[in-house]
Each structure stands twice: as structure tokens, then as C-alpha cells.
Amino acid sequence: MTKFILYIATSIDGFIARIDGSIDWLPLAEVDGEDYGYAEFYNSIDAVVMGSRTYEQVLRFGDWAYPGKLTYVFTNRHLSTTRSDILFIRGGIEEVILDVKQRGFKRVWLVGGGNVISSFMNRGLVDEYIITIIPIILGSGISLFQSVSELKLNFVGSKSYLSGAVELRYQKNETEI
């Protein structure tokens, strides 16, 4: 069975990016020597899902950030790439669900953005929530949770970092389905 995992960082006030989509406020792993569990998490996933604006943000980082992982990009635009590990999805979530099952993927990372995450949440498809709170208040920006229904989760654990960041882990509450 495929599990969809939300692994993301937010500001204290719940924003995943500035209004313009910028994520310049996120700590750089190279600066403080802490990867916030990223390498272990990345090695545990089979594929990546994101929206087109998140995809375009990732392209600005330089080298492709998700080597060795098939990446599904939701878009209504005619985007293209020469990479064979990126699939542009012009249909709905069902297209991705079918494809990941056919490929036998067990763990799929929901990278962002907020609309994609909310679509998966509203269908009850997010199994794990790994949310790292960064000690900054942005005041405004792109909210992590956009038009989602009330959802009770089961607390799994937390971890704090010297930088002041706190990772919170939750699982889907199976009684809520």
C-alpha cells in the first residue's frame, strides 16, 4: 500500500513561503551543519509530488534537487523538460495514485505547494505529517493548509534542534476516515 507523506517546513505562523513564493527564510543545512533528518527521510521515499510553482522554485536551486526519484508535477501549463524522471500531470490526483500503485511505490513525498497538499488532505490521502517549525514569524505568505477540512491526527513524536526549529510528527487518525 502506498503512503503519502507530507514533509515540509513552515514559519511559526504557518507559512511555507513568502507571498512571492520565496523560501529565503529557510535555514541552510550547509550553514549550521544540521540536515534536520532530510537525508534519512529522502532515502526512505520512492517518488515526489509537487505543484508547478514549487517545481519552478526548485529549478532555481541549480542542480535537480531530487535525483533518483520520479517526480510528479501538477500543472495546467505546457511545461517541458529533458529529464526522464519528471512527469507533468495535467489530470487529477487519481492519475498519480494509479501510476504510483502500478510502479509499486511505497512512500511518496508531498513536497508542496499548499494547493497540492490540501487536495491530498481533503481526500484523506496523507498518511504521515512531518512538519518542521522554523523560528520565524513571516506575518504573511503562502499558507501550508489551504481550504482543508477539520482533521484529527495522532501525535507520533517531536524533535528539537539547536537552531530552534522543532519537528512535529503525526499520523492519519484511521478512525476519522
N, C-alpha and C. Protein backbone atom coordinates (compact mmCIF):
# COMPACT_ATOMS: atom_id res chain seq x y z
N MET A 1 0.83 -1.18 0.00
CA MET A 1 0.00 0.00 0.00
C MET A 1 0.88 1.25 0.00
N THR A 2 0.54 2.20 -0.82
CA THR A 2 1.29 3.44 -0.93
C THR A 2 0.93 4.40 0.20
N LYS A 3 1.96 5.03 0.77
CA LYS A 3 1.75 6.06 1.78
C LYS A 3 2.21 7.39 1.21
N PHE A 4 1.38 8.40 1.40
CA PHE A 4 1.74 9.76 1.01
C PHE A 4 2.16 10.50 2.27
N ILE A 5 3.35 11.11 2.22
CA ILE A 5 3.94 11.76 3.39
C ILE A 5 4.15 13.24 3.10
N LEU A 6 3.62 14.06 3.99
CA LEU A 6 3.89 15.48 3.94
C LEU A 6 5.13 15.73 4.78
N TYR A 7 6.19 16.22 4.17
CA TYR A 7 7.44 16.54 4.86
C TYR A 7 7.76 17.96 4.43
N ILE A 8 7.62 18.90 5.36
CA ILE A 8 7.71 20.30 4.97
C ILE A 8 8.10 21.16 6.16
N ALA A 9 8.59 22.36 5.89
CA ALA A 9 8.91 23.33 6.93
C ALA A 9 7.94 24.51 6.81
N THR A 10 7.58 25.06 7.97
CA THR A 10 6.73 26.25 7.99
C THR A 10 7.31 27.26 8.96
N SER A 11 6.87 28.48 8.81
CA SER A 11 7.17 29.50 9.80
C SER A 11 6.29 29.23 11.02
N ILE A 12 6.55 29.90 12.12
CA ILE A 12 5.72 29.72 13.32
C ILE A 12 4.26 30.03 13.01
N ASP A 13 4.03 31.00 12.12
CA ASP A 13 2.65 31.38 11.79
C ASP A 13 2.08 30.59 10.61
N GLY A 14 2.71 29.46 10.25
CA GLY A 14 2.10 28.52 9.33
C GLY A 14 2.29 28.77 7.84
N PHE A 15 3.29 29.57 7.48
CA PHE A 15 3.53 29.85 6.07
C PHE A 15 4.68 29.00 5.52
N ILE A 16 4.50 28.49 4.31
CA ILE A 16 5.55 27.68 3.68
C ILE A 16 6.41 28.50 2.72
N ALA A 17 5.97 29.71 2.43
CA ALA A 17 6.72 30.61 1.54
C ALA A 17 6.21 32.03 1.73
N ARG A 18 7.00 32.97 1.29
CA ARG A 18 6.54 34.37 1.27
C ARG A 18 5.46 34.50 0.19
N ILE A 19 4.80 35.63 0.16
CA ILE A 19 3.74 35.88 -0.84
C ILE A 19 4.26 35.64 -2.25
N ASP A 20 5.51 36.03 -2.52
CA ASP A 20 6.09 35.87 -3.86
C ASP A 20 6.63 34.47 -4.12
N GLY A 21 6.43 33.54 -3.16
CA GLY A 21 6.91 32.17 -3.31
C GLY A 21 8.32 31.95 -2.79
N SER A 22 8.97 33.00 -2.34
CA SER A 22 10.34 32.90 -1.86
C SER A 22 10.43 32.07 -0.57
N ILE A 23 11.49 31.27 -0.49
CA ILE A 23 11.75 30.48 0.72
C ILE A 23 13.13 30.83 1.29
N ASP A 24 13.56 32.07 1.07
CA ASP A 24 14.87 32.52 1.51
C ASP A 24 15.02 32.52 3.03
N TRP A 25 13.95 32.41 3.76
CA TRP A 25 13.96 32.41 5.22
C TRP A 25 14.27 31.03 5.82
N LEU A 26 14.25 29.99 4.98
CA LEU A 26 14.55 28.64 5.48
C LEU A 26 16.04 28.52 5.80
N PRO A 27 16.37 27.83 6.89
CA PRO A 27 17.79 27.67 7.23
C PRO A 27 18.49 26.78 6.21
N LEU A 28 19.72 27.09 5.95
CA LEU A 28 20.52 26.28 5.03
C LEU A 28 21.27 25.23 5.82
N ALA A 29 21.14 23.98 5.41
CA ALA A 29 21.79 22.87 6.12
C ALA A 29 23.30 23.04 6.13
N GLU A 30 23.86 23.60 5.06
CA GLU A 30 25.30 23.75 4.98
C GLU A 30 25.83 24.76 5.99
N VAL A 31 25.00 25.71 6.39
CA VAL A 31 25.45 26.76 7.30
C VAL A 31 25.58 26.25 8.72
N ASP A 32 24.56 25.56 9.22
CA ASP A 32 24.61 25.12 10.62
C ASP A 32 24.99 23.65 10.78
N GLY A 33 25.27 22.96 9.67
CA GLY A 33 25.72 21.58 9.74
C GLY A 33 24.64 20.57 10.09
N GLU A 34 23.39 20.99 10.14
CA GLU A 34 22.26 20.13 10.50
C GLU A 34 21.39 19.91 9.28
N ASP A 35 21.06 18.66 8.99
CA ASP A 35 20.20 18.41 7.82
C ASP A 35 18.75 18.16 8.22
N TYR A 36 18.44 18.29 9.51
CA TYR A 36 17.06 18.17 10.01
C TYR A 36 16.41 16.85 9.61
N GLY A 37 17.20 15.80 9.52
CA GLY A 37 16.68 14.48 9.17
C GLY A 37 16.40 14.28 7.70
N TYR A 38 16.81 15.25 6.88
CA TYR A 38 16.48 15.21 5.46
C TYR A 38 17.06 13.98 4.75
N ALA A 39 18.33 13.69 4.93
CA ALA A 39 18.96 12.57 4.21
C ALA A 39 18.27 11.25 4.52
N GLU A 40 17.99 11.01 5.79
CA GLU A 40 17.30 9.78 6.17
C GLU A 40 15.91 9.72 5.54
N PHE A 41 15.19 10.84 5.60
CA PHE A 41 13.85 10.87 5.00
C PHE A 41 13.93 10.64 3.49
N TYR A 42 14.82 11.36 2.83
CA TYR A 42 14.94 11.27 1.37
C TYR A 42 15.23 9.83 0.93
N ASN A 43 16.07 9.15 1.68
CA ASN A 43 16.39 7.77 1.34
C ASN A 43 15.23 6.81 1.58
N SER A 44 14.21 7.27 2.32
CA SER A 44 13.06 6.41 2.64
C SER A 44 11.92 6.53 1.63
N ILE A 45 12.01 7.47 0.69
CA ILE A 45 10.90 7.70 -0.24
C ILE A 45 11.22 7.16 -1.63
N ASP A 46 10.14 6.90 -2.38
CA ASP A 46 10.27 6.37 -3.74
C ASP A 46 10.02 7.42 -4.81
N ALA A 47 9.17 8.40 -4.50
CA ALA A 47 8.78 9.39 -5.50
C ALA A 47 8.41 10.70 -4.81
N VAL A 48 8.25 11.74 -5.63
CA VAL A 48 8.00 13.10 -5.17
C VAL A 48 6.80 13.67 -5.93
N VAL A 49 5.96 14.45 -5.22
CA VAL A 49 4.81 15.11 -5.84
C VAL A 49 4.87 16.59 -5.50
N MET A 50 4.62 17.43 -6.50
CA MET A 50 4.62 18.88 -6.27
C MET A 50 3.78 19.59 -7.32
N GLY A 51 3.48 20.85 -7.04
CA GLY A 51 2.80 21.70 -8.00
C GLY A 51 3.81 22.40 -8.88
N SER A 52 3.33 23.04 -9.92
CA SER A 52 4.23 23.65 -10.90
C SER A 52 5.00 24.85 -10.34
N ARG A 53 4.39 25.62 -9.45
CA ARG A 53 5.13 26.76 -8.87
C ARG A 53 6.26 26.26 -7.97
N THR A 54 6.00 25.20 -7.23
CA THR A 54 7.07 24.60 -6.41
C THR A 54 8.16 24.06 -7.32
N TYR A 55 7.77 23.41 -8.40
CA TYR A 55 8.74 22.90 -9.38
C TYR A 55 9.63 24.02 -9.91
N GLU A 56 9.03 25.14 -10.27
CA GLU A 56 9.81 26.26 -10.80
C GLU A 56 10.73 26.85 -9.73
N GLN A 57 10.28 26.84 -8.49
CA GLN A 57 11.14 27.30 -7.39
C GLN A 57 12.35 26.38 -7.24
N VAL A 58 12.10 25.06 -7.31
CA VAL A 58 13.17 24.07 -7.18
C VAL A 58 14.19 24.23 -8.31
N LEU A 59 13.74 24.54 -9.51
CA LEU A 59 14.65 24.72 -10.64
C LEU A 59 15.66 25.84 -10.38
N ARG A 60 15.29 26.82 -9.58
CA ARG A 60 16.18 27.94 -9.28
C ARG A 60 17.35 27.54 -8.38
N PHE A 61 17.27 26.35 -7.75
CA PHE A 61 18.33 25.91 -6.85
C PHE A 61 19.58 25.47 -7.59
N GLY A 62 19.49 25.28 -8.91
CA GLY A 62 20.64 24.80 -9.68
C GLY A 62 20.43 23.36 -10.08
N ASP A 63 21.30 22.47 -9.61
CA ASP A 63 21.16 21.05 -9.92
C ASP A 63 19.81 20.54 -9.45
N TRP A 64 19.28 19.55 -10.16
CA TRP A 64 17.98 18.98 -9.81
C TRP A 64 18.05 18.44 -8.38
N ALA A 65 17.12 18.85 -7.54
CA ALA A 65 17.15 18.56 -6.11
C ALA A 65 16.70 17.14 -5.75
N TYR A 66 16.09 16.41 -6.69
CA TYR A 66 15.52 15.11 -6.37
C TYR A 66 16.03 14.01 -7.30
N PRO A 67 17.36 13.86 -7.39
CA PRO A 67 17.90 12.84 -8.29
C PRO A 67 17.53 11.43 -7.82
N GLY A 68 17.24 10.58 -8.77
CA GLY A 68 16.93 9.20 -8.45
C GLY A 68 15.51 8.96 -7.97
N LYS A 69 14.69 9.99 -7.97
CA LYS A 69 13.29 9.88 -7.55
C LYS A 69 12.39 10.38 -8.68
N LEU A 70 11.40 9.59 -9.03
CA LEU A 70 10.43 10.05 -10.02
C LEU A 70 9.64 11.21 -9.41
N THR A 71 9.51 12.30 -10.16
CA THR A 71 8.81 13.48 -9.67
C THR A 71 7.58 13.74 -10.51
N TYR A 72 6.43 13.83 -9.84
CA TYR A 72 5.16 14.17 -10.48
C TYR A 72 4.92 15.66 -10.24
N VAL A 73 4.68 16.41 -11.33
CA VAL A 73 4.45 17.85 -11.23
C VAL A 73 3.06 18.14 -11.77
N PHE A 74 2.16 18.62 -10.90
CA PHE A 74 0.82 19.01 -11.34
C PHE A 74 0.89 20.36 -12.02
N THR A 75 0.30 20.44 -13.22
CA THR A 75 0.31 21.71 -13.94
C THR A 75 -0.83 21.76 -14.95
N ASN A 76 -1.30 22.97 -15.23
CA ASN A 76 -2.25 23.20 -16.31
C ASN A 76 -1.54 23.86 -17.49
N ARG A 77 -0.27 24.15 -17.30
CA ARG A 77 0.52 24.80 -18.34
C ARG A 77 1.29 23.76 -19.14
N HIS A 78 1.87 24.17 -20.23
CA HIS A 78 2.64 23.27 -21.08
C HIS A 78 4.12 23.39 -20.74
N LEU A 79 4.49 22.78 -19.61
CA LEU A 79 5.89 22.77 -19.19
C LEU A 79 6.59 21.60 -19.86
N SER A 80 7.90 21.71 -19.98
CA SER A 80 8.65 20.61 -20.58
C SER A 80 10.00 20.48 -19.90
N THR A 81 10.59 19.31 -20.07
CA THR A 81 11.92 19.04 -19.51
C THR A 81 12.57 17.96 -20.35
N THR A 82 13.88 17.90 -20.28
CA THR A 82 14.60 16.81 -20.94
C THR A 82 14.82 15.65 -19.97
N ARG A 83 14.48 15.85 -18.70
CA ARG A 83 14.68 14.81 -17.68
C ARG A 83 13.63 13.72 -17.83
N SER A 84 14.05 12.48 -17.72
CA SER A 84 13.12 11.35 -17.82
C SER A 84 12.48 11.02 -16.47
N ASP A 85 12.97 11.64 -15.39
CA ASP A 85 12.43 11.37 -14.06
C ASP A 85 11.43 12.42 -13.59
N ILE A 86 10.92 13.22 -14.51
CA ILE A 86 9.89 14.22 -14.19
C ILE A 86 8.69 13.97 -15.10
N LEU A 87 7.52 13.82 -14.49
CA LEU A 87 6.28 13.63 -15.23
C LEU A 87 5.35 14.80 -14.94
N PHE A 88 4.89 15.47 -15.99
CA PHE A 88 3.93 16.55 -15.82
C PHE A 88 2.53 15.96 -15.85
N ILE A 89 1.76 16.25 -14.81
CA ILE A 89 0.42 15.70 -14.64
C ILE A 89 -0.59 16.79 -14.94
N ARG A 90 -1.34 16.61 -15.98
CA ARG A 90 -2.37 17.58 -16.34
C ARG A 90 -3.76 17.12 -15.90
N GLY A 91 -3.82 15.87 -15.45
CA GLY A 91 -5.07 15.33 -14.93
C GLY A 91 -5.17 15.60 -13.44
N GLY A 92 -5.86 14.74 -12.74
CA GLY A 92 -6.05 14.93 -11.31
C GLY A 92 -5.19 14.01 -10.48
N ILE A 93 -5.44 14.04 -9.20
CA ILE A 93 -4.72 13.23 -8.23
C ILE A 93 -4.83 11.75 -8.57
N GLU A 94 -5.99 11.36 -9.08
CA GLU A 94 -6.23 9.95 -9.40
C GLU A 94 -5.18 9.40 -10.37
N GLU A 95 -4.72 10.24 -11.29
CA GLU A 95 -3.69 9.83 -12.25
C GLU A 95 -2.39 9.45 -11.53
N VAL A 96 -2.03 10.25 -10.52
CA VAL A 96 -0.82 9.97 -9.75
C VAL A 96 -1.01 8.72 -8.90
N ILE A 97 -2.15 8.61 -8.25
CA ILE A 97 -2.42 7.44 -7.40
C ILE A 97 -2.31 6.16 -8.21
N LEU A 98 -2.90 6.14 -9.37
CA LEU A 98 -2.85 4.95 -10.23
C LEU A 98 -1.42 4.65 -10.65
N ASP A 99 -0.67 5.67 -11.05
CA ASP A 99 0.69 5.46 -11.52
C ASP A 99 1.61 4.96 -10.40
N VAL A 100 1.51 5.55 -9.20
CA VAL A 100 2.39 5.10 -8.12
C VAL A 100 2.07 3.67 -7.71
N LYS A 101 0.80 3.30 -7.78
CA LYS A 101 0.44 1.90 -7.47
C LYS A 101 0.98 0.95 -8.53
N GLN A 102 0.86 1.34 -9.80
CA GLN A 102 1.37 0.50 -10.88
C GLN A 102 2.88 0.32 -10.78
N ARG A 103 3.58 1.33 -10.32
CA ARG A 103 5.03 1.27 -10.19
C ARG A 103 5.47 0.60 -8.88
N GLY A 104 4.52 0.35 -7.99
CA GLY A 104 4.83 -0.31 -6.73
C GLY A 104 5.50 0.60 -5.70
N PHE A 105 5.34 1.91 -5.85
CA PHE A 105 5.92 2.84 -4.89
C PHE A 105 5.24 2.70 -3.54
N LYS A 106 6.04 2.70 -2.48
CA LYS A 106 5.52 2.54 -1.12
C LYS A 106 5.37 3.87 -0.38
N ARG A 107 6.35 4.77 -0.59
CA ARG A 107 6.34 6.06 0.12
C ARG A 107 6.54 7.19 -0.87
N VAL A 108 5.59 8.13 -0.88
CA VAL A 108 5.62 9.25 -1.81
C VAL A 108 5.59 10.55 -1.01
N TRP A 109 6.53 11.42 -1.32
CA TRP A 109 6.69 12.69 -0.61
C TRP A 109 5.87 13.78 -1.28
N LEU A 110 4.99 14.41 -0.50
CA LEU A 110 4.27 15.60 -0.95
C LEU A 110 5.12 16.81 -0.59
N VAL A 111 5.79 17.38 -1.59
CA VAL A 111 6.71 18.49 -1.36
C VAL A 111 5.97 19.80 -1.18
N GLY A 112 5.00 20.07 -2.01
CA GLY A 112 4.26 21.34 -1.99
C GLY A 112 3.70 21.59 -3.36
N GLY A 113 3.05 22.63 -3.56
CA GLY A 113 2.68 23.69 -2.66
C GLY A 113 1.38 23.39 -1.92
N GLY A 114 0.90 24.47 -1.34
CA GLY A 114 -0.27 24.38 -0.48
C GLY A 114 -1.49 23.80 -1.15
N ASN A 115 -1.75 24.15 -2.40
CA ASN A 115 -2.94 23.63 -3.10
C ASN A 115 -2.83 22.12 -3.33
N VAL A 116 -1.67 21.65 -3.72
CA VAL A 116 -1.47 20.21 -3.94
C VAL A 116 -1.64 19.46 -2.62
N ILE A 117 -1.00 19.96 -1.58
CA ILE A 117 -1.10 19.31 -0.27
C ILE A 117 -2.55 19.27 0.19
N SER A 118 -3.25 20.40 0.07
CA SER A 118 -4.65 20.45 0.50
C SER A 118 -5.52 19.49 -0.29
N SER A 119 -5.25 19.33 -1.57
CA SER A 119 -6.03 18.39 -2.39
C SER A 119 -5.87 16.96 -1.88
N PHE A 120 -4.65 16.58 -1.53
CA PHE A 120 -4.41 15.24 -0.99
C PHE A 120 -5.05 15.10 0.39
N MET A 121 -4.93 16.13 1.21
CA MET A 121 -5.51 16.08 2.55
C MET A 121 -7.03 15.95 2.50
N ASN A 122 -7.67 16.73 1.65
CA ASN A 122 -9.13 16.72 1.57
C ASN A 122 -9.67 15.39 1.06
N ARG A 123 -8.84 14.59 0.45
CA ARG A 123 -9.25 13.25 0.01
C ARG A 123 -8.81 12.17 1.00
N GLY A 124 -8.24 12.60 2.12
CA GLY A 124 -7.82 11.66 3.15
C GLY A 124 -6.63 10.81 2.75
N LEU A 125 -5.78 11.34 1.88
CA LEU A 125 -4.67 10.56 1.33
C LEU A 125 -3.33 10.75 2.04
N VAL A 126 -3.23 11.73 2.93
CA VAL A 126 -1.95 11.96 3.60
C VAL A 126 -1.89 11.05 4.82
N ASP A 127 -0.89 10.17 4.84
CA ASP A 127 -0.73 9.19 5.91
C ASP A 127 0.16 9.68 7.04
N GLU A 128 1.20 10.43 6.70
CA GLU A 128 2.15 10.94 7.69
C GLU A 128 2.36 12.43 7.48
N TYR A 129 2.52 13.14 8.59
CA TYR A 129 2.78 14.57 8.57
C TYR A 129 4.07 14.80 9.34
N ILE A 130 5.09 15.29 8.65
CA ILE A 130 6.36 15.65 9.29
C ILE A 130 6.56 17.13 9.00
N ILE A 131 6.29 17.93 10.00
CA ILE A 131 6.28 19.39 9.82
C ILE A 131 7.33 20.00 10.73
N THR A 132 8.29 20.69 10.15
CA THR A 132 9.33 21.35 10.93
C THR A 132 8.98 22.83 11.03
N ILE A 133 8.84 23.29 12.27
CA ILE A 133 8.52 24.70 12.53
C ILE A 133 9.84 25.46 12.66
N ILE A 134 10.01 26.45 11.81
CA ILE A 134 11.21 27.28 11.81
C ILE A 134 10.94 28.51 12.69
N PRO A 135 11.86 28.90 13.56
CA PRO A 135 11.60 30.01 14.48
C PRO A 135 11.65 31.39 13.80
N ILE A 136 10.63 31.63 13.00
CA ILE A 136 10.47 32.93 12.34
C ILE A 136 8.98 33.17 12.15
N ILE A 137 8.57 34.41 12.30
CA ILE A 137 7.19 34.81 12.00
C ILE A 137 7.26 35.66 10.75
N LEU A 138 6.59 35.20 9.69
CA LEU A 138 6.62 35.92 8.42
C LEU A 138 5.53 36.99 8.35
N GLY A 139 4.44 36.79 9.05
CA GLY A 139 3.36 37.78 9.03
C GLY A 139 2.38 37.61 7.89
N SER A 140 2.87 37.10 6.77
CA SER A 140 2.01 36.82 5.62
C SER A 140 2.79 35.88 4.69
N GLY A 141 2.06 35.28 3.77
CA GLY A 141 2.72 34.38 2.84
C GLY A 141 1.76 33.34 2.32
N ILE A 142 2.30 32.24 1.85
CA ILE A 142 1.51 31.13 1.34
C ILE A 142 1.30 30.15 2.49
N SER A 143 0.05 29.95 2.85
CA SER A 143 -0.29 29.09 3.98
C SER A 143 -0.10 27.63 3.63
N LEU A 144 0.37 26.85 4.61
CA LEU A 144 0.50 25.42 4.42
C LEU A 144 -0.85 24.78 4.17
N PHE A 145 -1.82 25.10 5.00
CA PHE A 145 -3.13 24.47 4.88
C PHE A 145 -4.11 25.43 4.24
N GLN A 146 -4.52 25.11 3.02
CA GLN A 146 -5.41 25.98 2.24
C GLN A 146 -6.74 25.27 2.01
N SER A 147 -7.78 25.79 2.63
CA SER A 147 -9.13 25.26 2.45
C SER A 147 -9.21 23.76 2.73
N VAL A 148 -8.72 23.37 3.89
CA VAL A 148 -8.82 21.96 4.27
C VAL A 148 -9.90 21.78 5.32
N SER A 149 -10.48 20.60 5.31
CA SER A 149 -11.49 20.25 6.30
C SER A 149 -10.80 19.92 7.62
N GLU A 150 -11.57 20.00 8.70
CA GLU A 150 -11.03 19.63 10.01
C GLU A 150 -10.54 18.20 9.96
N LEU A 151 -9.39 17.97 10.57
CA LEU A 151 -8.78 16.66 10.54
C LEU A 151 -8.03 16.41 11.84
N LYS A 152 -8.40 15.35 12.55
CA LYS A 152 -7.70 14.99 13.78
C LYS A 152 -6.58 14.03 13.44
N LEU A 153 -5.42 14.26 14.04
CA LEU A 153 -4.25 13.45 13.77
C LEU A 153 -3.76 12.79 15.06
N ASN A 154 -2.98 11.75 14.91
CA ASN A 154 -2.35 11.09 16.05
C ASN A 154 -0.91 11.56 16.17
N PHE A 155 -0.55 12.05 17.35
CA PHE A 155 0.80 12.52 17.60
C PHE A 155 1.75 11.33 17.65
N VAL A 156 2.87 11.43 16.94
CA VAL A 156 3.87 10.37 16.91
C VAL A 156 5.11 10.77 17.71
N GLY A 157 5.52 12.02 17.58
CA GLY A 157 6.70 12.46 18.30
C GLY A 157 7.17 13.83 17.85
N SER A 158 8.21 14.30 18.50
CA SER A 158 8.78 15.60 18.16
C SER A 158 10.29 15.56 18.39
N LYS A 159 10.96 16.49 17.76
CA LYS A 159 12.41 16.61 17.92
C LYS A 159 12.75 18.09 17.81
N SER A 160 13.60 18.54 18.71
CA SER A 160 14.02 19.95 18.62
C SER A 160 15.48 20.01 18.18
N TYR A 161 15.82 21.11 17.55
CA TYR A 161 17.17 21.32 17.02
C TYR A 161 17.79 22.55 17.68
N LEU A 162 19.12 22.60 17.68
CA LEU A 162 19.83 23.73 18.29
C LEU A 162 19.45 25.06 17.65
N SER A 163 19.05 25.03 16.39
CA SER A 163 18.67 26.25 15.68
C SER A 163 17.37 26.83 16.20
N GLY A 164 16.64 26.06 17.01
CA GLY A 164 15.32 26.49 17.48
C GLY A 164 14.18 25.89 16.69
N ALA A 165 14.51 25.19 15.61
CA ALA A 165 13.48 24.51 14.82
C ALA A 165 12.96 23.30 15.60
N VAL A 166 11.69 22.99 15.38
CA VAL A 166 11.07 21.85 16.04
C VAL A 166 10.34 21.02 14.99
N GLU A 167 10.65 19.73 14.95
CA GLU A 167 9.98 18.82 14.03
C GLU A 167 8.83 18.13 14.77
N LEU A 168 7.64 18.18 14.18
CA LEU A 168 6.46 17.53 14.73
C LEU A 168 6.06 16.41 13.78
N ARG A 169 5.74 15.24 14.36
CA ARG A 169 5.34 14.09 13.55
C ARG A 169 3.94 13.63 13.97
N TYR A 170 3.10 13.45 12.97
CA TYR A 170 1.74 12.98 13.18
C TYR A 170 1.41 11.92 12.14
N GLN A 171 0.42 11.10 12.46
CA GLN A 171 -0.12 10.14 11.51
C GLN A 171 -1.61 10.37 11.35
N LYS A 172 -2.10 9.90 10.22
CA LYS A 172 -3.53 9.97 9.97
C LYS A 172 -4.26 9.19 11.06
N ASN A 173 -5.35 9.74 11.55
CA ASN A 173 -6.18 9.07 12.53
C ASN A 173 -7.15 8.19 11.75
N GLU A 174 -6.93 6.91 11.78
CA GLU A 174 -7.72 5.97 10.98
C GLU A 174 -9.20 5.99 11.35
N THR A 175 -9.54 6.42 12.56
CA THR A 175 -10.95 6.47 12.95
C THR A 175 -11.67 7.65 12.31
N GLU A 176 -10.92 8.58 11.74
CA GLU A 176 -11.50 9.77 11.10
C GLU A 176 -11.90 9.52 9.67
N ILE A 177 -11.47 8.40 9.10
CA ILE A 177 -11.70 8.13 7.68
C ILE A 177 -13.13 7.73 7.44
